Amino acid sequence: MTDNDVSQDAVVIERSFDAPVDLIWQMWFTGEYREVVANERLVYTESMSDENGNVLSPSDMGMPEGHPTTTEVRVDLEDIGGRTKMVMTHAGIPADSPGAAGWAMALDKLAAHVGTHNDR
């Protein structure tokens, strides 16, 4: 996936945080890392799994026909004068899916978390 190759089957969320990039970079993720550029970009794959990390098929998880087994998440961070602009793209997940709401909730929690730790 290139910078300009964003499918309609993707959740794209752009968010600004009142925190420096290095604090935002400390987010936790799991998956196979494809690209890691500290404080700038993280690209990784994501699959549904059981508690032991064994990948499960989407149908085993009750997902609709055609849901991909593995998706790609790309997080780009940009320092905007001590604030952070983040663009998160989760390819393979339709923009109107429940996954979009899940990401929005997770990013709300991240914003609250960095707000309590941003004492710089």
PDB file of N, CA and C in Angstrom:
ATOM      1  N   MET A   1       0.850  -1.164   0.000  1.00  0.00           N
ATOM      2  CA  MET A   1       0.000   0.000   0.000  1.00  0.00           C
ATOM      3  C   MET A   1       0.901   1.235   0.000  1.00  0.00           C
ATOM      4  N   THR A   2       0.656   2.142  -0.888  1.00  0.00           N
ATOM      5  CA  THR A   2       1.429   3.377  -0.961  1.00  0.00           C
ATOM      6  C   THR A   2       0.659   4.497  -0.287  1.00  0.00           C
ATOM      7  N   ASP A   3       1.329   5.643  -0.109  1.00  0.00           N
ATOM      8  CA  ASP A   3       0.696   6.782   0.548  1.00  0.00           C
ATOM      9  C   ASP A   3      -0.607   7.192  -0.130  1.00  0.00           C
ATOM     10  N   ASN A   4      -0.657   7.092  -1.460  1.00  0.00           N
ATOM     11  CA  ASN A   4      -1.828   7.560  -2.203  1.00  0.00           C
ATOM     12  C   ASN A   4      -2.788   6.438  -2.575  1.00  0.00           C
ATOM     13  N   ASP A   5      -2.535   5.227  -2.087  1.00  0.00           N
ATOM     14  CA  ASP A   5      -3.319   4.057  -2.457  1.00  0.00           C
ATOM     15  C   ASP A   5      -4.208   3.637  -1.288  1.00  0.00           C
ATOM     16  N   VAL A   6      -5.203   4.458  -0.966  1.00  0.00           N
ATOM     17  CA  VAL A   6      -6.111   4.152   0.132  1.00  0.00           C
ATOM     18  C   VAL A   6      -7.419   3.651  -0.466  1.00  0.00           C
ATOM     19  N   SER A   7      -7.740   2.412  -0.183  1.00  0.00           N
ATOM     20  CA  SER A   7      -8.943   1.772  -0.691  1.00  0.00           C
ATOM     21  C   SER A   7     -10.176   2.315   0.019  1.00  0.00           C
ATOM     22  N   GLN A   8     -11.334   2.159  -0.617  1.00  0.00           N
ATOM     23  CA  GLN A   8     -12.584   2.497   0.055  1.00  0.00           C
ATOM     24  C   GLN A   8     -12.863   1.505   1.166  1.00  0.00           C
ATOM     25  N   ASP A   9     -12.222   0.328   1.110  1.00  0.00           N
ATOM     26  CA  ASP A   9     -12.366  -0.663   2.162  1.00  0.00           C
ATOM     27  C   ASP A   9     -11.302  -0.422   3.219  1.00  0.00           C
ATOM     28  N   ALA A  10     -11.384   0.742   3.855  1.00  0.00           N
ATOM     29  CA  ALA A  10     -10.423   1.085   4.902  1.00  0.00           C
ATOM     30  C   ALA A  10     -11.054   2.072   5.868  1.00  0.00           C
ATOM     31  N   VAL A  11     -10.709   1.908   7.115  1.00  0.00           N
ATOM     32  CA  VAL A  11     -11.060   2.881   8.128  1.00  0.00           C
ATOM     33  C   VAL A  11      -9.886   3.852   8.194  1.00  0.00           C
ATOM     34  N   VAL A  12     -10.131   5.126   7.995  1.00  0.00           N
ATOM     35  CA  VAL A  12      -9.089   6.150   8.087  1.00  0.00           C
ATOM     36  C   VAL A  12      -9.535   7.164   9.127  1.00  0.00           C
ATOM     37  N   ILE A  13      -8.710   7.343  10.152  1.00  0.00           N
ATOM     38  CA  ILE A  13      -9.025   8.285  11.219  1.00  0.00           C
ATOM     39  C   ILE A  13      -7.846   9.232  11.353  1.00  0.00           C
ATOM     40  N   GLU A  14      -8.132  10.522  11.305  1.00  0.00           N
ATOM     41  CA  GLU A  14      -7.108  11.537  11.546  1.00  0.00           C
ATOM     42  C   GLU A  14      -7.435  12.209  12.864  1.00  0.00           C
ATOM     43  N   ARG A  15      -6.464  12.321  13.720  1.00  0.00           N
ATOM     44  CA  ARG A  15      -6.671  12.851  15.059  1.00  0.00           C
ATOM     45  C   ARG A  15      -5.483  13.733  15.422  1.00  0.00           C
ATOM     46  N   SER A  16      -5.691  14.775  16.203  1.00  0.00           N
ATOM     47  CA  SER A  16      -4.615  15.580  16.762  1.00  0.00           C
ATOM     48  C   SER A  16      -4.660  15.440  18.273  1.00  0.00           C
ATOM     49  N   PHE A  17      -3.483  15.291  18.865  1.00  0.00           N
ATOM     50  CA  PHE A  17      -3.365  15.136  20.306  1.00  0.00           C
ATOM     51  C   PHE A  17      -2.534  16.280  20.861  1.00  0.00           C
ATOM     52  N   ASP A  18      -2.893  16.768  22.023  1.00  0.00           N
ATOM     53  CA  ASP A  18      -2.130  17.804  22.683  1.00  0.00           C
ATOM     54  C   ASP A  18      -1.001  17.142  23.465  1.00  0.00           C
ATOM     55  N   ALA A  19      -0.088  16.538  22.720  1.00  0.00           N
ATOM     56  CA  ALA A  19       1.035  15.799  23.307  1.00  0.00           C
ATOM     57  C   ALA A  19       2.112  15.666  22.239  1.00  0.00           C
ATOM     58  N   PRO A  20       3.375  15.536  22.667  1.00  0.00           N
ATOM     59  CA  PRO A  20       4.453  15.372  21.696  1.00  0.00           C
ATOM     60  C   PRO A  20       4.434  13.988  21.048  1.00  0.00           C
ATOM     61  N   VAL A  21       5.052  13.902  19.880  1.00  0.00           N
ATOM     62  CA  VAL A  21       5.075  12.655  19.106  1.00  0.00           C
ATOM     63  C   VAL A  21       5.657  11.497  19.912  1.00  0.00           C
ATOM     64  N   ASP A  22       6.742  11.727  20.676  1.00  0.00           N
ATOM     65  CA  ASP A  22       7.366  10.603  21.378  1.00  0.00           C
ATOM     66  C   ASP A  22       6.452   9.991  22.437  1.00  0.00           C
ATOM     67  N   LEU A  23       5.517  10.759  22.988  1.00  0.00           N
ATOM     68  CA  LEU A  23       4.558  10.203  23.935  1.00  0.00           C
ATOM     69  C   LEU A  23       3.493   9.383  23.207  1.00  0.00           C
ATOM     70  N   ILE A  24       3.027   9.868  22.068  1.00  0.00           N
ATOM     71  CA  ILE A  24       2.039   9.130  21.272  1.00  0.00           C
ATOM     72  C   ILE A  24       2.637   7.833  20.747  1.00  0.00           C
ATOM     73  N   TRP A  25       3.921   7.854  20.405  1.00  0.00           N
ATOM     74  CA  TRP A  25       4.598   6.677  19.841  1.00  0.00           C
ATOM     75  C   TRP A  25       4.556   5.494  20.794  1.00  0.00           C
ATOM     76  N   GLN A  26       4.388   5.720  22.083  1.00  0.00           N
ATOM     77  CA  GLN A  26       4.444   4.650  23.072  1.00  0.00           C
ATOM     78  C   GLN A  26       3.171   3.799  23.096  1.00  0.00           C
ATOM     79  N   MET A  27       2.326   3.867  22.059  1.00  0.00           N
ATOM     80  CA  MET A  27       1.131   3.008  21.998  1.00  0.00           C
ATOM     81  C   MET A  27       1.536   1.549  21.857  1.00  0.00           C
ATOM     82  N   TRP A  28       0.703   0.614  22.390  1.00  0.00           N
ATOM     83  CA  TRP A  28       0.971  -0.817  22.313  1.00  0.00           C
ATOM     84  C   TRP A  28       0.183  -1.419  21.167  1.00  0.00           C
ATOM     85  N   PHE A  29       0.837  -2.280  20.378  1.00  0.00           N
ATOM     86  CA  PHE A  29       0.189  -2.994  19.286  1.00  0.00           C
ATOM     87  C   PHE A  29       0.715  -4.412  19.229  1.00  0.00           C
ATOM     88  N   THR A  30      -0.052  -5.302  18.618  1.00  0.00           N
ATOM     89  CA  THR A  30       0.434  -6.647  18.348  1.00  0.00           C
ATOM     90  C   THR A  30       0.257  -6.919  16.877  1.00  0.00           C
ATOM     91  N   GLY A  31       0.990  -7.852  16.355  1.00  0.00           N
ATOM     92  CA  GLY A  31       0.906  -8.227  14.955  1.00  0.00           C
ATOM     93  C   GLY A  31       2.298  -8.375  14.379  1.00  0.00           C
ATOM     94  N   GLU A  32       2.372  -8.581  13.092  1.00  0.00           N
ATOM     95  CA  GLU A  32       3.661  -8.681  12.409  1.00  0.00           C
ATOM     96  C   GLU A  32       4.035  -7.294  11.899  1.00  0.00           C
ATOM     97  N   TYR A  33       5.150  -6.788  12.380  1.00  0.00           N
ATOM     98  CA  TYR A  33       5.571  -5.452  11.973  1.00  0.00           C
ATOM     99  C   TYR A  33       6.160  -5.482  10.573  1.00  0.00           C
ATOM    100  N   ARG A  34       5.713  -4.572   9.721  1.00  0.00           N
ATOM    101  CA  ARG A  34       6.227  -4.449   8.352  1.00  0.00           C
ATOM    102  C   ARG A  34       7.142  -3.245   8.194  1.00  0.00           C
ATOM    103  N   GLU A  35       6.852  -2.176   8.945  1.00  0.00           N
ATOM    104  CA  GLU A  35       7.680  -0.981   8.878  1.00  0.00           C
ATOM    105  C   GLU A  35       7.591  -0.265  10.220  1.00  0.00           C
ATOM    106  N   VAL A  36       8.746   0.076  10.765  1.00  0.00           N
ATOM    107  CA  VAL A  36       8.809   0.817  12.016  1.00  0.00           C
ATOM    108  C   VAL A  36       9.807   1.946  11.838  1.00  0.00           C
ATOM    109  N   VAL A  37       9.325   3.172  11.903  1.00  0.00           N
ATOM    110  CA  VAL A  37      10.161   4.365  11.878  1.00  0.00           C
ATOM    111  C   VAL A  37       9.786   5.129  13.140  1.00  0.00           C
ATOM    112  N   ALA A  38      10.646   5.057  14.151  1.00  0.00           N
ATOM    113  CA  ALA A  38      10.338   5.625  15.458  1.00  0.00           C
ATOM    114  C   ALA A  38       9.825   7.057  15.343  1.00  0.00           C
ATOM    115  N   ASN A  39       8.727   7.311  16.047  1.00  0.00           N
ATOM    116  CA  ASN A  39       8.094   8.630  16.128  1.00  0.00           C
ATOM    117  C   ASN A  39       7.540   9.132  14.798  1.00  0.00           C
ATOM    118  N   GLU A  40       7.469   8.277  13.764  1.00  0.00           N
ATOM    119  CA  GLU A  40       6.924   8.686  12.465  1.00  0.00           C
ATOM    120  C   GLU A  40       5.891   7.718  11.896  1.00  0.00           C
ATOM    121  N   ARG A  41       6.232   6.432  11.812  1.00  0.00           N
ATOM    122  CA  ARG A  41       5.340   5.498  11.114  1.00  0.00           C
ATOM    123  C   ARG A  41       5.449   4.097  11.706  1.00  0.00           C
ATOM    124  N   LEU A  42       4.285   3.451  11.805  1.00  0.00           N
ATOM    125  CA  LEU A  42       4.202   2.055  12.209  1.00  0.00           C
ATOM    126  C   LEU A  42       3.229   1.377  11.262  1.00  0.00           C
ATOM    127  N   VAL A  43       3.677   0.301  10.616  1.00  0.00           N
ATOM    128  CA  VAL A  43       2.813  -0.476   9.729  1.00  0.00           C
ATOM    129  C   VAL A  43       2.897  -1.927  10.213  1.00  0.00           C
ATOM    130  N   TYR A  44       1.740  -2.521  10.460  1.00  0.00           N
ATOM    131  CA  TYR A  44       1.725  -3.901  10.943  1.00  0.00           C
ATOM    132  C   TYR A  44       0.479  -4.622  10.453  1.00  0.00           C
ATOM    133  N   THR A  45       0.547  -5.952  10.492  1.00  0.00           N
ATOM    134  CA  THR A  45      -0.616  -6.766  10.140  1.00  0.00           C
ATOM    135  C   THR A  45      -1.366  -7.119  11.416  1.00  0.00           C
ATOM    136  N   GLU A  46      -2.629  -7.471  11.217  1.00  0.00           N
ATOM    137  CA  GLU A  46      -3.480  -7.827  12.348  1.00  0.00           C
ATOM    138  C   GLU A  46      -4.401  -8.962  11.925  1.00  0.00           C
ATOM    139  N   SER A  47      -4.490  -9.958  12.773  1.00  0.00           N
ATOM    140  CA  SER A  47      -5.399 -11.081  12.537  1.00  0.00           C
ATOM    141  C   SER A  47      -6.146 -11.386  13.825  1.00  0.00           C
ATOM    142  N   MET A  48      -7.361 -11.916  13.690  1.00  0.00           N
ATOM    143  CA  MET A  48      -8.109 -12.345  14.866  1.00  0.00           C
ATOM    144  C   MET A  48      -7.504 -13.663  15.341  1.00  0.00           C
ATOM    145  N   SER A  49      -7.404 -13.804  16.661  1.00  0.00           N
ATOM    146  CA  SER A  49      -6.788 -15.009  17.208  1.00  0.00           C
ATOM    147  C   SER A  49      -7.465 -15.397  18.513  1.00  0.00           C
ATOM    148  N   ASP A  50      -7.118 -16.600  18.975  1.00  0.00           N
ATOM    149  CA  ASP A  50      -7.598 -17.031  20.285  1.00  0.00           C
ATOM    150  C   ASP A  50      -6.629 -16.523  21.349  1.00  0.00           C
ATOM    151  N   GLU A  51      -6.872 -16.906  22.602  1.00  0.00           N
ATOM    152  CA  GLU A  51      -6.056 -16.409  23.707  1.00  0.00           C
ATOM    153  C   GLU A  51      -4.603 -16.875  23.646  1.00  0.00           C
ATOM    154  N   ASN A  52      -4.328 -17.883  22.809  1.00  0.00           N
ATOM    155  CA  ASN A  52      -2.963 -18.399  22.662  1.00  0.00           C
ATOM    156  C   ASN A  52      -2.251 -17.838  21.435  1.00  0.00           C
ATOM    157  N   GLY A  53      -2.892 -16.928  20.726  1.00  0.00           N
ATOM    158  CA  GLY A  53      -2.264 -16.326  19.550  1.00  0.00           C
ATOM    159  C   GLY A  53      -2.454 -17.108  18.271  1.00  0.00           C
ATOM    160  N   ASN A  54      -3.287 -18.153  18.295  1.00  0.00           N
ATOM    161  CA  ASN A  54      -3.561 -18.934  17.088  1.00  0.00           C
ATOM    162  C   ASN A  54      -4.566 -18.180  16.223  1.00  0.00           C
ATOM    163  N   VAL A  55      -4.199 -17.931  14.965  1.00  0.00           N
ATOM    164  CA  VAL A  55      -5.063 -17.178  14.057  1.00  0.00           C
ATOM    165  C   VAL A  55      -6.328 -17.975  13.782  1.00  0.00           C
ATOM    166  N   LEU A  56      -7.474 -17.275  13.883  1.00  0.00           N
ATOM    167  CA  LEU A  56      -8.776 -17.877  13.612  1.00  0.00           C
ATOM    168  C   LEU A  56      -9.326 -17.304  12.317  1.00  0.00           C
ATOM    169  N   SER A  57     -10.156 -18.082  11.637  1.00  0.00           N
ATOM    170  CA  SER A  57     -10.765 -17.575  10.417  1.00  0.00           C
ATOM    171  C   SER A  57     -11.845 -16.559  10.791  1.00  0.00           C
ATOM    172  N   PRO A  58     -12.095 -15.604   9.923  1.00  0.00           N
ATOM    173  CA  PRO A  58     -13.158 -14.630  10.207  1.00  0.00           C
ATOM    174  C   PRO A  58     -14.506 -15.303  10.462  1.00  0.00           C
ATOM    175  N   SER A  59     -14.813 -16.371   9.726  1.00  0.00           N
ATOM    176  CA  SER A  59     -16.099 -17.046   9.934  1.00  0.00           C
ATOM    177  C   SER A  59     -16.179 -17.662  11.332  1.00  0.00           C
ATOM    178  N   ASP A  60     -15.031 -18.145  11.868  1.00  0.00           N
ATOM    179  CA  ASP A  60     -15.009 -18.670  13.238  1.00  0.00           C
ATOM    180  C   ASP A  60     -15.361 -17.587  14.259  1.00  0.00           C
ATOM    181  N   MET A  61     -15.109 -16.336  13.901  1.00  0.00           N
ATOM    182  CA  MET A  61     -15.358 -15.213  14.798  1.00  0.00           C
ATOM    183  C   MET A  61     -16.701 -14.537  14.521  1.00  0.00           C
ATOM    184  N   GLY A  62     -17.506 -15.136  13.612  1.00  0.00           N
ATOM    185  CA  GLY A  62     -18.820 -14.590  13.310  1.00  0.00           C
ATOM    186  C   GLY A  62     -18.799 -13.402  12.359  1.00  0.00           C
ATOM    187  N   MET A  63     -17.689 -13.241  11.648  1.00  0.00           N
ATOM    188  CA  MET A  63     -17.571 -12.133  10.701  1.00  0.00           C
ATOM    189  C   MET A  63     -18.258 -12.499   9.396  1.00  0.00           C
ATOM    190  N   PRO A  64     -18.689 -11.498   8.632  1.00  0.00           N
ATOM    191  CA  PRO A  64     -19.384 -11.773   7.369  1.00  0.00           C
ATOM    192  C   PRO A  64     -18.469 -12.381   6.314  1.00  0.00           C
ATOM    193  N   GLU A  65     -19.074 -13.056   5.367  1.00  0.00           N
ATOM    194  CA  GLU A  65     -18.357 -13.647   4.230  1.00  0.00           C
ATOM    195  C   GLU A  65     -17.518 -12.569   3.542  1.00  0.00           C
ATOM    196  N   GLY A  66     -16.301 -12.913   3.210  1.00  0.00           N
ATOM    197  CA  GLY A  66     -15.432 -11.988   2.506  1.00  0.00           C
ATOM    198  C   GLY A  66     -14.547 -11.147   3.412  1.00  0.00           C
ATOM    199  N   HIS A  67     -14.747 -11.237   4.741  1.00  0.00           N
ATOM    200  CA  HIS A  67     -13.883 -10.491   5.655  1.00  0.00           C
ATOM    201  C   HIS A  67     -12.483 -11.094   5.594  1.00  0.00           C
ATOM    202  N   PRO A  68     -11.448 -10.265   5.434  1.00  0.00           N
ATOM    203  CA  PRO A  68     -10.092 -10.809   5.304  1.00  0.00           C
ATOM    204  C   PRO A  68      -9.580 -11.416   6.611  1.00  0.00           C
ATOM    205  N   THR A  69      -8.744 -12.428   6.488  1.00  0.00           N
ATOM    206  CA  THR A  69      -8.130 -13.045   7.662  1.00  0.00           C
ATOM    207  C   THR A  69      -7.089 -12.107   8.265  1.00  0.00           C
ATOM    208  N   THR A  70      -6.331 -11.451   7.395  1.00  0.00           N
ATOM    209  CA  THR A  70      -5.274 -10.537   7.840  1.00  0.00           C
ATOM    210  C   THR A  70      -5.516  -9.167   7.233  1.00  0.00           C
ATOM    211  N   THR A  71      -5.406  -8.144   8.057  1.00  0.00           N
ATOM    212  CA  THR A  71      -5.542  -6.766   7.599  1.00  0.00           C
ATOM    213  C   THR A  71      -4.248  -6.024   7.907  1.00  0.00           C
ATOM    214  N   GLU A  72      -4.136  -4.814   7.366  1.00  0.00           N
ATOM    215  CA  GLU A  72      -2.944  -4.008   7.611  1.00  0.00           C
ATOM    216  C   GLU A  72      -3.340  -2.692   8.261  1.00  0.00           C
ATOM    217  N   VAL A  73      -2.593  -2.318   9.291  1.00  0.00           N
ATOM    218  CA  VAL A  73      -2.806  -1.053   9.992  1.00  0.00           C
ATOM    219  C   VAL A  73      -1.566  -0.196   9.764  1.00  0.00           C
ATOM    220  N   ARG A  74      -1.805   1.067   9.421  1.00  0.00           N
ATOM    221  CA  ARG A  74      -0.712   2.021   9.216  1.00  0.00           C
ATOM    222  C   ARG A  74      -1.004   3.240  10.090  1.00  0.00           C
ATOM    223  N   VAL A  75      -0.026   3.615  10.905  1.00  0.00           N
ATOM    224  CA  VAL A  75      -0.140   4.777  11.771  1.00  0.00           C
ATOM    225  C   VAL A  75       0.979   5.739  11.399  1.00  0.00           C
ATOM    226  N   ASP A  76       0.599   6.942  10.951  1.00  0.00           N
ATOM    227  CA  ASP A  76       1.565   7.991  10.628  1.00  0.00           C
ATOM    228  C   ASP A  76       1.423   9.102  11.655  1.00  0.00           C
ATOM    229  N   LEU A  77       2.567   9.538  12.204  1.00  0.00           N
ATOM    230  CA  LEU A  77       2.594  10.598  13.199  1.00  0.00           C
ATOM    231  C   LEU A  77       3.387  11.781  12.663  1.00  0.00           C
ATOM    232  N   GLU A  78       2.909  12.997  12.959  1.00  0.00           N
ATOM    233  CA  GLU A  78       3.602  14.203  12.527  1.00  0.00           C
ATOM    234  C   GLU A  78       3.604  15.221  13.658  1.00  0.00           C
ATOM    235  N   ASP A  79       4.789  15.744  13.970  1.00  0.00           N
ATOM    236  CA  ASP A  79       4.934  16.780  14.985  1.00  0.00           C
ATOM    237  C   ASP A  79       4.445  18.097  14.407  1.00  0.00           C
ATOM    238  N   ILE A  80       3.457  18.681  15.062  1.00  0.00           N
ATOM    239  CA  ILE A  80       2.907  19.968  14.645  1.00  0.00           C
ATOM    240  C   ILE A  80       3.120  20.929  15.824  1.00  0.00           C
ATOM    241  N   GLY A  81       4.326  21.447  15.949  1.00  0.00           N
ATOM    242  CA  GLY A  81       4.626  22.411  17.014  1.00  0.00           C
ATOM    243  C   GLY A  81       4.381  21.896  18.419  1.00  0.00           C
ATOM    244  N   GLY A  82       4.808  20.674  18.712  1.00  0.00           N
ATOM    245  CA  GLY A  82       4.627  20.103  20.045  1.00  0.00           C
ATOM    246  C   GLY A  82       3.345  19.307  20.206  1.00  0.00           C
ATOM    247  N   ARG A  83       2.446  19.425  19.247  1.00  0.00           N
ATOM    248  CA  ARG A  83       1.238  18.592  19.199  1.00  0.00           C
ATOM    249  C   ARG A  83       1.509  17.475  18.202  1.00  0.00           C
ATOM    250  N   THR A  84       0.655  16.493  18.151  1.00  0.00           N
ATOM    251  CA  THR A  84       0.848  15.373  17.239  1.00  0.00           C
ATOM    252  C   THR A  84      -0.371  15.176  16.359  1.00  0.00           C
ATOM    253  N   LYS A  85      -0.136  15.162  15.052  1.00  0.00           N
ATOM    254  CA  LYS A  85      -1.177  14.776  14.093  1.00  0.00           C
ATOM    255  C   LYS A  85      -0.955  13.297  13.796  1.00  0.00           C
ATOM    256  N   MET A  86      -2.000  12.513  13.948  1.00  0.00           N
ATOM    257  CA  MET A  86      -1.932  11.083  13.674  1.00  0.00           C
ATOM    258  C   MET A  86      -2.966  10.731  12.614  1.00  0.00           C
ATOM    259  N   VAL A  87      -2.546   9.956  11.621  1.00  0.00           N
ATOM    260  CA  VAL A  87      -3.472   9.402  10.643  1.00  0.00           C
ATOM    261  C   VAL A  87      -3.332   7.888  10.733  1.00  0.00           C
ATOM    262  N   MET A  88      -4.414   7.219  11.113  1.00  0.00           N
ATOM    263  CA  MET A  88      -4.442   5.770  11.239  1.00  0.00           C
ATOM    264  C   MET A  88      -5.313   5.213  10.122  1.00  0.00           C
ATOM    265  N   THR A  89      -4.754   4.288   9.346  1.00  0.00           N
ATOM    266  CA  THR A  89      -5.495   3.646   8.267  1.00  0.00           C
ATOM    267  C   THR A  89      -5.505   2.143   8.518  1.00  0.00           C
ATOM    268  N   HIS A  90      -6.697   1.561   8.621  1.00  0.00           N
ATOM    269  CA  HIS A  90      -6.847   0.118   8.800  1.00  0.00           C
ATOM    270  C   HIS A  90      -7.448  -0.426   7.507  1.00  0.00           C
ATOM    271  N   ALA A  91      -6.579  -0.912   6.630  1.00  0.00           N
ATOM    272  CA  ALA A  91      -6.996  -1.394   5.306  1.00  0.00           C
ATOM    273  C   ALA A  91      -7.680  -2.753   5.415  1.00  0.00           C
ATOM    274  N   GLY A  92      -8.707  -2.941   4.600  1.00  0.00           N
ATOM    275  CA  GLY A  92      -9.433  -4.202   4.573  1.00  0.00           C
ATOM    276  C   GLY A  92     -10.679  -4.189   5.435  1.00  0.00           C
ATOM    277  N   ILE A  93     -10.896  -3.113   6.161  1.00  0.00           N
ATOM    278  CA  ILE A  93     -12.074  -2.968   7.011  1.00  0.00           C
ATOM    279  C   ILE A  93     -12.909  -1.828   6.441  1.00  0.00           C
ATOM    280  N   PRO A  94     -14.154  -2.078   6.056  1.00  0.00           N
ATOM    281  CA  PRO A  94     -14.981  -1.005   5.490  1.00  0.00           C
ATOM    282  C   PRO A  94     -15.110   0.189   6.438  1.00  0.00           C
ATOM    283  N   ALA A  95     -15.102   1.382   5.867  1.00  0.00           N
ATOM    284  CA  ALA A  95     -15.145   2.614   6.655  1.00  0.00           C
ATOM    285  C   ALA A  95     -16.374   2.696   7.555  1.00  0.00           C
ATOM    286  N   ASP A  96     -17.478   2.044   7.176  1.00  0.00           N
ATOM    287  CA  ASP A  96     -18.701   2.102   7.976  1.00  0.00           C
ATOM    288  C   ASP A  96     -18.866   0.884   8.887  1.00  0.00           C
ATOM    289  N   SER A  97     -17.787   0.139   9.107  1.00  0.00           N
ATOM    290  CA  SER A  97     -17.872  -1.078   9.915  1.00  0.00           C
ATOM    291  C   SER A  97     -17.826  -0.758  11.407  1.00  0.00           C
ATOM    292  N   PRO A  98     -18.224  -1.729  12.244  1.00  0.00           N
ATOM    293  CA  PRO A  98     -18.091  -1.539  13.690  1.00  0.00           C
ATOM    294  C   PRO A  98     -16.642  -1.300  14.100  1.00  0.00           C
ATOM    295  N   GLY A  99     -15.699  -1.746  13.289  1.00  0.00           N
ATOM    296  CA  GLY A  99     -14.287  -1.522  13.584  1.00  0.00           C
ATOM    297  C   GLY A  99     -13.947  -0.049  13.670  1.00  0.00           C
ATOM    298  N   ALA A 100     -14.603   0.780  12.871  1.00  0.00           N
ATOM    299  CA  ALA A 100     -14.351   2.225  12.912  1.00  0.00           C
ATOM    300  C   ALA A 100     -14.731   2.794  14.277  1.00  0.00           C
ATOM    301  N   ALA A 101     -15.869   2.365  14.803  1.00  0.00           N
ATOM    302  CA  ALA A 101     -16.292   2.830  16.126  1.00  0.00           C
ATOM    303  C   ALA A 101     -15.333   2.341  17.202  1.00  0.00           C
ATOM    304  N   GLY A 102     -14.844   1.128  17.049  1.00  0.00           N
ATOM    305  CA  GLY A 102     -13.878   0.584  18.001  1.00  0.00           C
ATOM    306  C   GLY A 102     -12.588   1.384  18.014  1.00  0.00           C
ATOM    307  N   TRP A 103     -12.105   1.720  16.813  1.00  0.00           N
ATOM    308  CA  TRP A 103     -10.889   2.538  16.739  1.00  0.00           C
ATOM    309  C   TRP A 103     -11.123   3.912  17.360  1.00  0.00           C
ATOM    310  N   ALA A 104     -12.281   4.521  17.108  1.00  0.00           N
ATOM    311  CA  ALA A 104     -12.573   5.838  17.673  1.00  0.00           C
ATOM    312  C   ALA A 104     -12.558   5.782  19.201  1.00  0.00           C
ATOM    313  N   MET A 105     -13.130   4.719  19.788  1.00  0.00           N
ATOM    314  CA  MET A 105     -13.119   4.568  21.242  1.00  0.00           C
ATOM    315  C   MET A 105     -11.697   4.380  21.760  1.00  0.00           C
ATOM    316  N   ALA A 106     -10.903   3.578  21.062  1.00  0.00           N
ATOM    317  CA  ALA A 106      -9.520   3.351  21.483  1.00  0.00           C
ATOM    318  C   ALA A 106      -8.719   4.648  21.438  1.00  0.00           C
ATOM    319  N   LEU A 107      -8.937   5.459  20.408  1.00  0.00           N
ATOM    320  CA  LEU A 107      -8.206   6.721  20.296  1.00  0.00           C
ATOM    321  C   LEU A 107      -8.685   7.744  21.321  1.00  0.00           C
ATOM    322  N   ASP A 108      -9.965   7.678  21.700  1.00  0.00           N
ATOM    323  CA  ASP A 108     -10.455   8.531  22.789  1.00  0.00           C
ATOM    324  C   ASP A 108      -9.724   8.175  24.090  1.00  0.00           C
ATOM    325  N   LYS A 109      -9.542   6.877  24.337  1.00  0.00           N
ATOM    326  CA  LYS A 109      -8.828   6.430  25.537  1.00  0.00           C
ATOM    327  C   LYS A 109      -7.371   6.869  25.476  1.00  0.00           C
ATOM    328  N   LEU A 110      -6.766   6.800  24.296  1.00  0.00           N
ATOM    329  CA  LEU A 110      -5.383   7.254  24.140  1.00  0.00           C
ATOM    330  C   LEU A 110      -5.277   8.742  24.439  1.00  0.00           C
ATOM    331  N   ALA A 111      -6.210   9.532  23.929  1.00  0.00           N
ATOM    332  CA  ALA A 111      -6.196  10.977  24.171  1.00  0.00           C
ATOM    333  C   ALA A 111      -6.303  11.261  25.669  1.00  0.00           C
ATOM    334  N   ALA A 112      -7.174  10.535  26.366  1.00  0.00           N
ATOM    335  CA  ALA A 112      -7.315  10.722  27.811  1.00  0.00           C
ATOM    336  C   ALA A 112      -6.032  10.313  28.529  1.00  0.00           C
ATOM    337  N   HIS A 113      -5.436   9.218  28.094  1.00  0.00           N
ATOM    338  CA  HIS A 113      -4.200   8.719  28.719  1.00  0.00           C
ATOM    339  C   HIS A 113      -3.056   9.716  28.557  1.00  0.00           C
ATOM    340  N   VAL A 114      -2.841  10.211  27.345  1.00  0.00           N
ATOM    341  CA  VAL A 114      -1.723  11.141  27.137  1.00  0.00           C
ATOM    342  C   VAL A 114      -1.994  12.467  27.824  1.00  0.00           C
ATOM    343  N   GLY A 115      -3.258  12.817  27.991  1.00  0.00           N
ATOM    344  CA  GLY A 115      -3.589  14.042  28.707  1.00  0.00           C
ATOM    345  C   GLY A 115      -3.154  13.995  30.163  1.00  0.00           C
ATOM    346  N   THR A 116      -3.189  12.811  30.768  1.00  0.00           N
ATOM    347  CA  THR A 116      -2.774  12.670  32.154  1.00  0.00           C
ATOM    348  C   THR A 116      -1.263  12.533  32.309  1.00  0.00           C
ATOM    349  N   HIS A 117      -0.558  12.233  31.207  1.00  0.00           N
ATOM    350  CA  HIS A 117       0.902  12.045  31.250  1.00  0.00           C
ATOM    351  C   HIS A 117       1.681  13.140  30.548  1.00  0.00           C
ATOM    352  N   ASN A 118       1.005  14.141  30.070  1.00  0.00           N
ATOM    353  CA  ASN A 118       1.671  15.197  29.319  1.00  0.00           C
ATOM    354  C   ASN A 118       1.986  16.363  30.244  1.00  0.00           C
ATOM    355  N   ASP A 119       3.041  16.179  31.037  1.00  0.00           N
ATOM    356  CA  ASP A 119       3.424  17.229  31.979  1.00  0.00           C
ATOM    357  C   ASP A 119       4.678  17.964  31.531  1.00  0.00           C
ATOM    358  N   ARG A 120       4.905  17.977  30.226  1.00  0.00           N
ATOM    359  CA  ARG A 120       6.096  18.652  29.681  1.00  0.00           C
ATOM    360  C   ARG A 120       5.826  20.087  29.456  1.00  0.00           C
TER     361      ARG A 120
END
